[in-house]
Amino acid sequence: MSPLTREMEHSRVVRAPADRLYALVADVSRWPVLLGPCIRARQIEQQGADERIELWAQTNGKVATWTSRRTLDPRTLRISFRQDGSTAPVASMSGDWSFHPADDGRTRIVLTHTFTAVDDNPQALEWIAQAVDRNSVEELAAIGEFAERPYPPERLVLSFSDRMEEPGVDPADVYDFVHRSDLWPERLPHVGRVDLTEDPAGVQRMEMDTVTSDGHTHTTASVRLCVPGERISYKQTVLPALLSGHSGLWEFEKSAGGTSIVSHHTVAVDPAAVERVLGAGTTLDQACAHVRDTLGANSRATMGAACAYAASVVRRP
């Protein structure tokens, strides 16, 4: 191996079956609510066991995006990856996940990385190594802790959407309302405070106080990725007590004579917090229904206000 190429290996032993752990890593749609560094993940294409994915993640405090090709092999419990669209200072990155079951029901997860830096810069190589080390340790811990919970993942992670159609309005105006969340305390009754920064352009960090129907205030923080006029994706980095993960997406589309706005949510419910937050005797299913109702109501209120705002905009010829 060239001295300008770095290899790293991280591992963790988890009290969970190997196939459950493999499934968590194989399904990137859950990554934003399971893996702390991951902000957004989506599959771009798939052909048999091969797929191409696009990721956004926090690396050493900055938001980076890249695309990777993965090969999934459920028979050998191995997932290999290779970035085909890296972001500087990364020049190349590859590796694999492997899952090694033991006789006592535990599994050893091994995550490897091999990478180089742009222009073979040694300082950049060290920067990448620090990011890989920090994110790998955090990701392995998150996957292990989630898999060790007494419920299967499909009981804890739920996704849902709400849609609203508004005739005669411009999608750009609806987008503007959601993008300018710093004005939400003046525009939305369920929002008490918003602190918003944007640097670089299109990457927002937002802290918000939300007032629930029972008068309680919840403080959350999010990273938002904004594509003007089209979508705003986000991941909560400070969560309400009932959740261990929450990511979402606002989509804005021109429809027949107006605008379609869609709010998507994916959440992971923390089963240990259910009775503490919602009261003794509350079941996991009731907690999931509560989350769906609360987040859906807030989204619909925001969409309604955004459409009303867009309808009030007067465009001069």
Protein backbone atom coordinates (compact mmCIF):
# COMPACT_ATOMS: atom_id res chain seq x y z
CA MET A 1 0.00 0.00 0.00
CA SER A 2 1.27 3.46 -0.87
CA PRO A 3 2.15 5.67 2.13
CA LEU A 4 -0.28 8.18 0.63
CA THR A 5 -3.16 5.69 1.04
CA ARG A 6 -4.68 5.19 4.47
CA GLU A 7 -6.54 2.11 5.71
CA MET A 8 -8.69 2.05 8.83
CA GLU A 9 -10.75 -0.64 10.56
CA HIS A 10 -13.40 -0.23 13.25
CA SER A 11 -15.44 -2.94 14.92
CA ARG A 12 -18.08 -3.46 17.58
CA VAL A 13 -19.64 -6.54 19.20
CA VAL A 14 -23.42 -6.30 19.43
CA ARG A 15 -26.01 -8.47 21.19
CA ALA A 16 -28.19 -8.87 18.09
CA PRO A 17 -28.42 -11.33 15.18
CA ALA A 18 -26.23 -10.67 12.16
CA ASP A 19 -29.11 -10.59 9.68
CA ARG A 20 -30.83 -7.80 11.63
CA LEU A 21 -27.65 -5.72 11.65
CA TYR A 22 -27.04 -6.39 7.95
CA ALA A 23 -30.57 -5.22 7.12
CA LEU A 24 -30.07 -1.95 9.02
CA VAL A 25 -26.97 -1.10 7.00
CA ALA A 26 -28.42 -2.34 3.69
CA ASP A 27 -31.45 0.00 3.84
CA VAL A 28 -30.05 3.52 3.43
CA SER A 29 -33.53 5.08 3.69
CA ARG A 30 -33.26 4.64 7.48
CA TRP A 31 -29.75 6.01 7.86
CA PRO A 32 -30.70 9.62 8.69
CA VAL A 33 -32.70 8.48 11.75
CA LEU A 34 -30.21 5.81 12.81
CA LEU A 35 -26.76 7.29 12.10
CA GLY A 36 -25.87 10.58 13.75
CA PRO A 37 -23.58 11.97 11.01
CA CYS A 38 -26.01 11.16 8.15
CA ILE A 39 -28.33 14.01 7.16
CA ARG A 40 -29.88 12.60 3.99
CA ALA A 41 -29.52 9.35 2.04
CA ARG A 42 -31.23 8.10 -1.08
CA GLN A 43 -30.87 5.34 -3.60
CA ILE A 44 -30.25 6.69 -7.11
CA GLU A 45 -30.27 3.44 -9.06
CA GLN A 46 -30.29 -0.31 -8.52
CA GLN A 47 -29.39 -3.28 -10.71
CA GLY A 48 -29.48 -6.64 -9.00
CA ALA A 49 -27.13 -6.64 -6.01
CA ASP A 50 -25.51 -3.35 -7.11
CA GLU A 51 -26.81 0.08 -6.30
CA ARG A 52 -25.75 3.71 -6.41
CA ILE A 53 -26.56 5.97 -3.45
CA GLU A 54 -26.24 9.67 -2.67
CA LEU A 55 -25.33 10.79 0.85
CA TRP A 56 -25.11 14.03 2.81
CA ALA A 57 -23.33 13.88 6.16
CA GLN A 58 -21.58 15.98 8.77
CA THR A 59 -17.82 15.42 8.67
CA ASN A 60 -15.67 17.25 11.19
CA GLY A 61 -18.42 19.82 11.66
CA LYS A 62 -18.98 20.48 7.95
CA VAL A 63 -21.68 19.16 5.62
CA ALA A 64 -20.36 17.07 2.71
CA THR A 65 -22.11 15.15 -0.06
CA TRP A 66 -20.96 12.30 -2.29
CA THR A 67 -22.21 9.36 -4.31
CA SER A 68 -21.18 5.75 -3.80
CA ARG A 69 -21.63 2.42 -5.53
CA ARG A 70 -22.44 -0.51 -3.25
CA THR A 71 -22.60 -4.26 -3.73
CA LEU A 72 -24.88 -6.09 -1.27
CA ASP A 73 -24.35 -9.77 -0.51
CA PRO A 74 -26.85 -11.07 2.09
CA ARG A 75 -25.44 -14.61 1.75
CA THR A 76 -21.98 -13.65 3.04
CA LEU A 77 -23.33 -10.72 5.12
CA ARG A 78 -21.04 -8.23 3.39
CA ILE A 79 -21.67 -4.79 1.86
CA SER A 80 -18.84 -3.22 -0.14
CA PHE A 81 -18.79 0.43 -1.21
CA ARG A 82 -16.74 2.76 -3.39
CA GLN A 83 -17.26 6.48 -3.77
CA ASP A 84 -17.62 7.48 -7.42
CA GLY A 85 -18.29 11.14 -6.72
CA SER A 86 -16.19 12.36 -3.81
CA THR A 87 -15.97 15.82 -2.25
CA ALA A 88 -12.60 17.44 -1.58
CA PRO A 89 -10.41 16.84 0.32
CA VAL A 90 -11.33 13.18 -0.38
CA ALA A 91 -9.85 11.90 -3.64
CA SER A 92 -10.99 8.28 -3.25
CA MET A 93 -12.80 6.23 -0.62
CA SER A 94 -13.78 2.56 -0.50
CA GLY A 95 -14.42 -0.12 2.09
CA ASP A 96 -16.91 -2.64 3.35
CA TRP A 97 -19.24 -3.65 6.14
CA SER A 98 -19.13 -7.27 7.31
CA PHE A 99 -21.11 -9.07 10.00
CA HIS A 100 -19.66 -12.05 11.87
CA PRO A 101 -22.09 -14.06 14.05
CA ALA A 102 -20.93 -15.81 17.20
CA ASP A 103 -22.42 -18.88 18.91
CA ASP A 104 -23.75 -16.84 21.85
CA GLY A 105 -26.09 -14.77 19.65
CA ARG A 106 -23.79 -11.80 19.44
CA THR A 107 -22.38 -10.34 16.21
CA ARG A 108 -19.11 -8.59 15.48
CA ILE A 109 -19.56 -5.74 12.99
CA VAL A 110 -16.43 -4.74 11.06
CA LEU A 111 -16.27 -1.51 9.07
CA THR A 112 -13.22 -0.82 6.90
CA HIS A 113 -12.14 2.24 4.90
CA THR A 114 -9.36 2.81 2.37
CA PHE A 115 -8.89 6.40 1.20
CA THR A 116 -6.63 8.99 -0.41
CA ALA A 117 -6.57 12.79 -0.31
CA VAL A 118 -6.65 15.33 -3.13
CA ASP A 119 -3.08 16.10 -4.30
CA ASP A 120 -1.83 13.55 -1.75
CA ASN A 121 -1.89 16.31 0.84
CA PRO A 122 -0.78 14.80 4.21
CA GLN A 123 -2.73 17.35 6.27
CA ALA A 124 -5.87 16.58 4.27
CA LEU A 125 -5.26 12.85 4.71
CA GLU A 126 -5.12 13.32 8.48
CA TRP A 127 -8.31 15.44 8.37
CA ILE A 128 -10.08 12.61 6.51
CA ALA A 129 -8.78 10.03 8.99
CA GLN A 130 -10.17 12.03 11.91
CA ALA A 131 -13.57 12.27 10.22
CA VAL A 132 -13.62 8.55 9.37
CA ASP A 133 -12.65 7.63 12.91
CA ARG A 134 -15.25 9.87 14.56
CA ASN A 135 -18.10 8.91 12.24
CA SER A 136 -17.31 5.18 12.23
CA VAL A 137 -17.31 4.94 16.02
CA GLU A 138 -20.57 6.88 16.21
CA GLU A 139 -22.25 4.86 13.45
CA LEU A 140 -21.28 1.48 14.89
CA ALA A 141 -22.54 2.52 18.33
CA ALA A 142 -25.84 3.77 16.91
CA ILE A 143 -26.49 0.63 14.87
CA GLY A 144 -25.61 -1.59 17.82
CA GLU A 145 -27.78 0.26 20.31
CA PHE A 146 -30.73 0.32 17.93
CA ALA A 147 -30.45 -3.39 17.09
CA GLU A 148 -30.25 -4.35 20.77
CA ARG A 149 -33.64 -2.80 21.53
CA PRO A 150 -36.42 -5.28 22.40
CA TYR A 151 -38.42 -4.44 19.26
CA PRO A 152 -37.66 -5.12 15.59
CA PRO A 153 -36.74 -2.02 13.52
CA GLU A 154 -40.06 -2.02 11.65
CA ARG A 155 -41.86 -1.43 14.95
CA LEU A 156 -39.70 1.57 15.85
CA VAL A 157 -39.19 3.37 12.52
CA LEU A 158 -42.16 4.85 10.70
CA SER A 159 -42.49 7.04 7.62
CA PHE A 160 -45.49 9.11 6.58
CA SER A 161 -46.42 12.08 4.38
CA ASP A 162 -48.97 14.86 4.12
CA ARG A 163 -49.85 16.66 0.88
CA MET A 164 -51.62 19.93 0.13
CA GLU A 165 -52.70 21.38 -3.22
CA GLU A 166 -53.19 25.11 -3.67
CA PRO A 167 -54.49 26.54 -6.97
CA GLY A 168 -53.25 29.80 -8.41
CA VAL A 169 -50.03 30.16 -6.41
CA ASP A 170 -46.37 30.04 -7.42
CA PRO A 171 -44.23 27.20 -5.99
CA ALA A 172 -41.42 29.73 -5.47
CA ASP A 173 -43.57 31.65 -2.97
CA VAL A 174 -44.55 28.49 -1.07
CA TYR A 175 -40.88 27.48 -0.95
CA ASP A 176 -39.92 30.94 0.31
CA PHE A 177 -42.24 30.60 3.30
CA VAL A 178 -40.67 27.30 4.39
CA HIS A 179 -37.14 28.47 3.59
CA ARG A 180 -37.51 31.63 5.73
CA SER A 181 -38.11 29.74 8.94
CA ASP A 182 -36.60 32.65 10.87
CA LEU A 183 -39.98 34.35 10.30
CA TRP A 184 -42.04 31.40 11.56
CA PRO A 185 -42.58 32.82 15.09
CA GLU A 186 -44.50 35.67 13.45
CA ARG A 187 -46.34 33.39 11.05
CA LEU A 188 -47.04 30.10 12.87
CA PRO A 189 -48.84 29.84 16.23
CA HIS A 190 -47.06 26.59 17.21
CA VAL A 191 -43.57 28.11 16.82
CA GLY A 192 -42.22 30.20 19.70
CA ARG A 193 -38.64 30.87 18.60
CA VAL A 194 -36.30 30.17 15.66
CA ASP A 195 -32.58 30.86 15.40
CA LEU A 196 -31.41 30.37 11.81
CA THR A 197 -28.01 30.57 10.12
CA GLU A 198 -27.07 29.66 6.55
CA ASP A 199 -23.43 28.96 5.65
CA PRO A 200 -22.62 27.97 2.99
CA ALA A 201 -25.59 28.89 0.82
CA GLY A 202 -28.18 26.12 0.88
CA VAL A 203 -27.05 24.64 4.21
CA GLN A 204 -29.07 25.92 7.16
CA ARG A 205 -28.72 25.26 10.87
CA MET A 206 -31.93 25.91 12.76
CA GLU A 207 -32.88 25.85 16.44
CA MET A 208 -36.61 26.05 17.19
CA ASP A 209 -38.99 26.11 20.14
CA THR A 210 -42.29 24.40 19.33
CA VAL A 211 -45.36 24.87 21.53
CA THR A 212 -47.63 21.82 21.72
CA SER A 213 -51.40 21.85 22.16
CA ASP A 214 -51.01 21.14 25.89
CA GLY A 215 -48.82 24.22 26.34
CA HIS A 216 -45.45 22.48 26.65
CA THR A 217 -42.41 23.82 24.78
CA HIS A 218 -39.98 21.50 22.99
CA THR A 219 -36.60 22.72 21.72
CA THR A 220 -35.17 21.03 18.64
CA ALA A 221 -32.24 21.72 16.31
CA SER A 222 -31.91 20.73 12.66
CA VAL A 223 -29.59 20.82 9.68
CA ARG A 224 -31.50 21.71 6.50
CA LEU A 225 -30.38 21.23 2.87
CA CYS A 226 -32.16 23.66 0.55
CA VAL A 227 -32.62 23.41 -3.22
CA PRO A 228 -34.37 26.68 -4.21
CA GLY A 229 -37.93 26.22 -5.39
CA GLU A 230 -37.74 22.41 -5.28
CA ARG A 231 -37.08 20.86 -1.86
CA ILE A 232 -35.78 21.28 1.67
CA SER A 233 -34.50 18.14 3.39
CA TYR A 234 -33.58 18.15 7.06
CA LYS A 235 -32.35 16.07 9.95
CA GLN A 236 -33.00 16.91 13.60
CA THR A 237 -29.79 16.96 15.64
CA VAL A 238 -31.53 17.88 18.91
CA LEU A 239 -34.67 15.80 19.32
CA PRO A 240 -37.86 15.79 21.39
CA ALA A 241 -37.65 13.29 24.24
CA LEU A 242 -39.86 10.67 22.56
CA LEU A 243 -37.67 10.26 19.47
CA SER A 244 -34.21 8.85 18.84
CA GLY A 245 -34.19 10.03 15.22
CA HIS A 246 -36.16 12.32 12.89
CA SER A 247 -35.54 13.31 9.28
CA GLY A 248 -37.84 14.94 6.78
CA LEU A 249 -38.30 16.45 3.36
CA TRP A 250 -40.39 19.32 2.01
CA GLU A 251 -41.14 19.04 -1.73
CA PHE A 252 -42.60 21.82 -3.88
CA GLU A 253 -44.05 21.01 -7.29
CA LYS A 254 -45.99 22.94 -9.90
CA SER A 255 -49.35 21.28 -10.38
CA ALA A 256 -52.27 22.00 -12.70
CA GLY A 257 -52.95 25.68 -12.10
CA GLY A 258 -51.04 25.94 -8.83
CA THR A 259 -48.71 24.25 -6.38
CA SER A 260 -48.39 20.90 -4.66
CA ILE A 261 -46.47 20.82 -1.35
CA VAL A 262 -45.59 17.54 0.35
CA SER A 263 -44.16 17.02 3.83
CA HIS A 264 -42.36 13.69 4.44
CA HIS A 265 -41.27 12.41 7.86
CA THR A 266 -39.21 9.41 8.94
CA VAL A 267 -38.90 8.96 12.70
CA ALA A 268 -37.44 6.46 15.14
CA VAL A 269 -39.35 6.18 18.41
CA ASP A 270 -37.37 5.54 21.60
CA PRO A 271 -39.26 2.77 23.44
CA ALA A 272 -37.53 3.59 26.73
CA ALA A 273 -39.06 7.07 26.67
CA VAL A 274 -42.67 6.14 25.88
CA GLU A 275 -44.09 5.89 29.41
CA ARG A 276 -41.83 8.64 30.75
CA VAL A 277 -43.11 11.10 28.15
CA LEU A 278 -46.69 9.93 27.57
CA GLY A 279 -47.56 8.33 30.90
CA ALA A 280 -47.68 4.89 32.49
CA GLY A 281 -49.43 2.24 30.46
CA THR A 282 -48.86 3.92 27.08
CA THR A 283 -48.05 1.31 24.44
CA LEU A 284 -45.50 1.62 21.64
CA ASP A 285 -48.30 1.63 19.06
CA GLN A 286 -50.03 4.48 20.89
CA ALA A 287 -46.75 6.40 20.98
CA CYS A 288 -46.28 5.94 17.24
CA ALA A 289 -49.82 7.18 16.62
CA HIS A 290 -49.13 10.20 18.85
CA VAL A 291 -45.98 11.04 16.87
CA ARG A 292 -47.84 10.71 13.57
CA ASP A 293 -50.67 12.94 14.75
CA THR A 294 -48.43 15.62 16.28
CA LEU A 295 -45.93 15.92 13.44
CA GLY A 296 -48.66 15.67 10.83
CA ALA A 297 -50.67 18.46 12.48
CA ASN A 298 -47.62 20.73 12.61
CA SER A 299 -46.79 20.01 8.96
CA ARG A 300 -50.34 20.68 7.81
CA ALA A 301 -50.40 23.94 9.76
CA THR A 302 -47.14 25.01 8.11
CA MET A 303 -48.35 24.00 4.65
CA GLY A 304 -51.63 25.85 5.11
CA ALA A 305 -49.83 29.00 6.23
CA ALA A 306 -47.35 28.70 3.36
CA CYS A 307 -50.18 28.45 0.82
CA ALA A 308 -51.99 31.41 2.40
CA TYR A 309 -48.78 33.44 2.27
CA ALA A 310 -48.22 32.51 -1.40
CA ALA A 311 -51.80 33.50 -2.24
CA SER A 312 -51.22 36.94 -0.68
CA VAL A 313 -48.09 37.70 -2.74
CA VAL A 314 -48.74 40.32 -5.39
CA ARG A 315 -46.44 40.18 -8.39
CA ARG A 316 -46.10 43.38 -10.35
CA PRO A 317 -45.89 43.14 -14.14
